[in-house]
Amino acid sequence: MSTSPLWYSLYGVLHGYGVFWIGVTNLLGGTWKNIDDGSNITFSNWAPGQPTNDKNSSCAAIDTQGLWFNENCEAAPLFVCGVPSDGSETGTASAIRP
């Protein structure tokens, strides 16, 4: 999740559908980063008291209110995928599990 406009657009679509992984983890060097390219996150919407320091909760998810929380990466909520805005394909599909 790289920008707040993207985040708010996504939240507008997903609001009320449940908990979703958002592709952010701290398994890549201990700081919260985008899982797809390892870049630092430039936007966040952590819930109060989040993220916790629980070493077993290294993946970020959003709740139905749009707030981020860290969760065990073995949990199985829904997930969000992105595609280029021009609709082009950038490669083959793959599953990334932290």
C-alpha atoms as a PDB file:
ATOM      1  CA  MET A   1       0.000   0.000   0.000  1.00  0.00           C
ATOM      2  CA  SER A   2       1.999   2.935  -1.239  1.00  0.00           C
ATOM      3  CA  THR A   3      -0.202   6.043  -1.241  1.00  0.00           C
ATOM      4  CA  SER A   4      -3.115   7.401   0.722  1.00  0.00           C
ATOM      5  CA  PRO A   5      -5.277   8.053  -2.413  1.00  0.00           C
ATOM      6  CA  LEU A   6      -4.810   4.412  -3.420  1.00  0.00           C
ATOM      7  CA  TRP A   7      -5.617   3.323   0.106  1.00  0.00           C
ATOM      8  CA  TYR A   8      -8.834   5.320   0.343  1.00  0.00           C
ATOM      9  CA  SER A   9      -9.994   4.106  -3.075  1.00  0.00           C
ATOM     10  CA  LEU A  10      -9.362   0.525  -2.043  1.00  0.00           C
ATOM     11  CA  TYR A  11     -11.043   0.973   1.317  1.00  0.00           C
ATOM     12  CA  GLY A  12     -14.121   2.405  -0.409  1.00  0.00           C
ATOM     13  CA  VAL A  13     -14.486  -0.845  -2.352  1.00  0.00           C
ATOM     14  CA  LEU A  14     -13.609  -3.296   0.437  1.00  0.00           C
ATOM     15  CA  HIS A  15     -15.321  -1.625   3.391  1.00  0.00           C
ATOM     16  CA  GLY A  16     -17.416  -4.136   5.314  1.00  0.00           C
ATOM     17  CA  TYR A  17     -16.267  -7.280   3.481  1.00  0.00           C
ATOM     18  CA  GLY A  18     -13.977  -8.588   6.212  1.00  0.00           C
ATOM     19  CA  VAL A  19     -10.268  -8.679   6.985  1.00  0.00           C
ATOM     20  CA  PHE A  20      -7.740  -8.484   4.143  1.00  0.00           C
ATOM     21  CA  TRP A  21      -3.983  -8.903   3.856  1.00  0.00           C
ATOM     22  CA  ILE A  22      -2.489  -5.766   2.302  1.00  0.00           C
ATOM     23  CA  GLY A  23       0.983  -6.924   1.275  1.00  0.00           C
ATOM     24  CA  VAL A  24       2.929  -5.297   4.105  1.00  0.00           C
ATOM     25  CA  THR A  25       5.303  -7.215   6.381  1.00  0.00           C
ATOM     26  CA  ASN A  26       8.173  -6.672   8.803  1.00  0.00           C
ATOM     27  CA  LEU A  27       9.861  -9.961   7.869  1.00  0.00           C
ATOM     28  CA  LEU A  28      12.109  -8.095   5.410  1.00  0.00           C
ATOM     29  CA  GLY A  29      14.635  -6.594   7.801  1.00  0.00           C
ATOM     30  CA  GLY A  30      12.439  -5.774  10.787  1.00  0.00           C
ATOM     31  CA  THR A  31      10.744  -2.644   9.435  1.00  0.00           C
ATOM     32  CA  TRP A  32       7.337  -2.527   7.762  1.00  0.00           C
ATOM     33  CA  LYS A  33       7.797  -2.872   4.006  1.00  0.00           C
ATOM     34  CA  ASN A  34       5.838  -3.697   0.866  1.00  0.00           C
ATOM     35  CA  ILE A  35       6.096  -7.446   0.356  1.00  0.00           C
ATOM     36  CA  ASP A  36       6.150  -7.257  -3.451  1.00  0.00           C
ATOM     37  CA  ASP A  37       9.305  -5.160  -3.866  1.00  0.00           C
ATOM     38  CA  GLY A  38      10.750  -4.706  -0.364  1.00  0.00           C
ATOM     39  CA  SER A  39      10.325  -0.920  -0.427  1.00  0.00           C
ATOM     40  CA  ASN A  40       9.529   0.984   2.758  1.00  0.00           C
ATOM     41  CA  ILE A  41       5.876   1.843   3.220  1.00  0.00           C
ATOM     42  CA  THR A  42       5.177   5.536   2.683  1.00  0.00           C
ATOM     43  CA  PHE A  43       1.626   5.463   4.038  1.00  0.00           C
ATOM     44  CA  SER A  44       0.016   3.623   6.936  1.00  0.00           C
ATOM     45  CA  ASN A  45      -3.269   3.594   8.811  1.00  0.00           C
ATOM     46  CA  TRP A  46      -2.428   1.588  11.944  1.00  0.00           C
ATOM     47  CA  ALA A  47      -5.154   1.103  14.551  1.00  0.00           C
ATOM     48  CA  PRO A  48      -4.394   2.528  18.006  1.00  0.00           C
ATOM     49  CA  GLY A  49      -1.814   0.321  19.742  1.00  0.00           C
ATOM     50  CA  GLN A  50      -0.726  -1.232  16.440  1.00  0.00           C
ATOM     51  CA  PRO A  51       1.561  -2.586  15.274  1.00  0.00           C
ATOM     52  CA  THR A  52       2.375  -4.661  18.331  1.00  0.00           C
ATOM     53  CA  ASN A  53       5.833  -6.033  19.042  1.00  0.00           C
ATOM     54  CA  ASP A  54       4.601  -9.633  18.781  1.00  0.00           C
ATOM     55  CA  LYS A  55       7.310 -11.465  16.835  1.00  0.00           C
ATOM     56  CA  ASN A  56       4.679 -13.944  15.606  1.00  0.00           C
ATOM     57  CA  SER A  57       2.561 -11.200  13.999  1.00  0.00           C
ATOM     58  CA  SER A  58       4.648  -9.995  11.080  1.00  0.00           C
ATOM     59  CA  CYS A  59       2.017  -9.425   8.390  1.00  0.00           C
ATOM     60  CA  ALA A  60      -0.337  -6.457   8.099  1.00  0.00           C
ATOM     61  CA  ALA A  61      -4.065  -6.664   7.472  1.00  0.00           C
ATOM     62  CA  ILE A  62      -6.950  -4.205   7.433  1.00  0.00           C
ATOM     63  CA  ASP A  63     -10.155  -4.532   9.392  1.00  0.00           C
ATOM     64  CA  THR A  64     -13.678  -3.537   8.357  1.00  0.00           C
ATOM     65  CA  GLN A  65     -13.065   0.005   9.616  1.00  0.00           C
ATOM     66  CA  GLY A  66     -10.012   0.425   7.385  1.00  0.00           C
ATOM     67  CA  LEU A  67      -7.505   0.273  10.217  1.00  0.00           C
ATOM     68  CA  TRP A  68      -4.298  -1.708   9.932  1.00  0.00           C
ATOM     69  CA  PHE A  69      -3.190  -4.319  12.449  1.00  0.00           C
ATOM     70  CA  ASN A  70      -0.411  -6.870  12.508  1.00  0.00           C
ATOM     71  CA  GLU A  71      -1.346 -10.529  12.478  1.00  0.00           C
ATOM     72  CA  ASN A  72       0.293 -13.929  12.363  1.00  0.00           C
ATOM     73  CA  CYS A  73       1.302 -14.603   8.757  1.00  0.00           C
ATOM     74  CA  GLU A  74      -0.196 -18.099   9.018  1.00  0.00           C
ATOM     75  CA  ALA A  75      -3.706 -16.675   9.482  1.00  0.00           C
ATOM     76  CA  ALA A  76      -5.858 -16.916   6.374  1.00  0.00           C
ATOM     77  CA  PRO A  77      -7.820 -13.738   5.703  1.00  0.00           C
ATOM     78  CA  LEU A  78      -8.739 -12.540   2.238  1.00  0.00           C
ATOM     79  CA  PHE A  79      -6.121 -10.694   0.203  1.00  0.00           C
ATOM     80  CA  VAL A  80      -5.887  -7.837  -2.282  1.00  0.00           C
ATOM     81  CA  CYS A  81      -3.957  -7.959  -5.557  1.00  0.00           C
ATOM     82  CA  GLY A  82      -2.994  -5.049  -7.768  1.00  0.00           C
ATOM     83  CA  VAL A  83      -2.631  -4.659 -11.527  1.00  0.00           C
ATOM     84  CA  PRO A  84      -1.161  -1.798 -13.550  1.00  0.00           C
ATOM     85  CA  SER A  85      -3.689   0.947 -14.275  1.00  0.00           C
ATOM     86  CA  ASP A  86      -3.266   0.409 -18.023  1.00  0.00           C
ATOM     87  CA  GLY A  87      -4.400  -3.212 -17.606  1.00  0.00           C
ATOM     88  CA  SER A  88      -1.186  -4.609 -19.059  1.00  0.00           C
ATOM     89  CA  GLU A  89       0.209  -7.889 -17.846  1.00  0.00           C
ATOM     90  CA  THR A  90       3.562  -7.662 -16.126  1.00  0.00           C
ATOM     91  CA  GLY A  91       4.410 -11.336 -15.780  1.00  0.00           C
ATOM     92  CA  THR A  92       3.039 -14.580 -14.488  1.00  0.00           C
ATOM     93  CA  ALA A  93       0.849 -14.859 -11.445  1.00  0.00           C
ATOM     94  CA  SER A  94       2.367 -16.286  -8.312  1.00  0.00           C
ATOM     95  CA  ALA A  95       1.470 -16.694  -4.677  1.00  0.00           C
ATOM     96  CA  ILE A  96       3.649 -14.986  -2.101  1.00  0.00           C
ATOM     97  CA  ARG A  97       3.492 -16.357   1.395  1.00  0.00           C
ATOM     98  CA  PRO A  98       5.753 -14.655   3.944  1.00  0.00           C
END
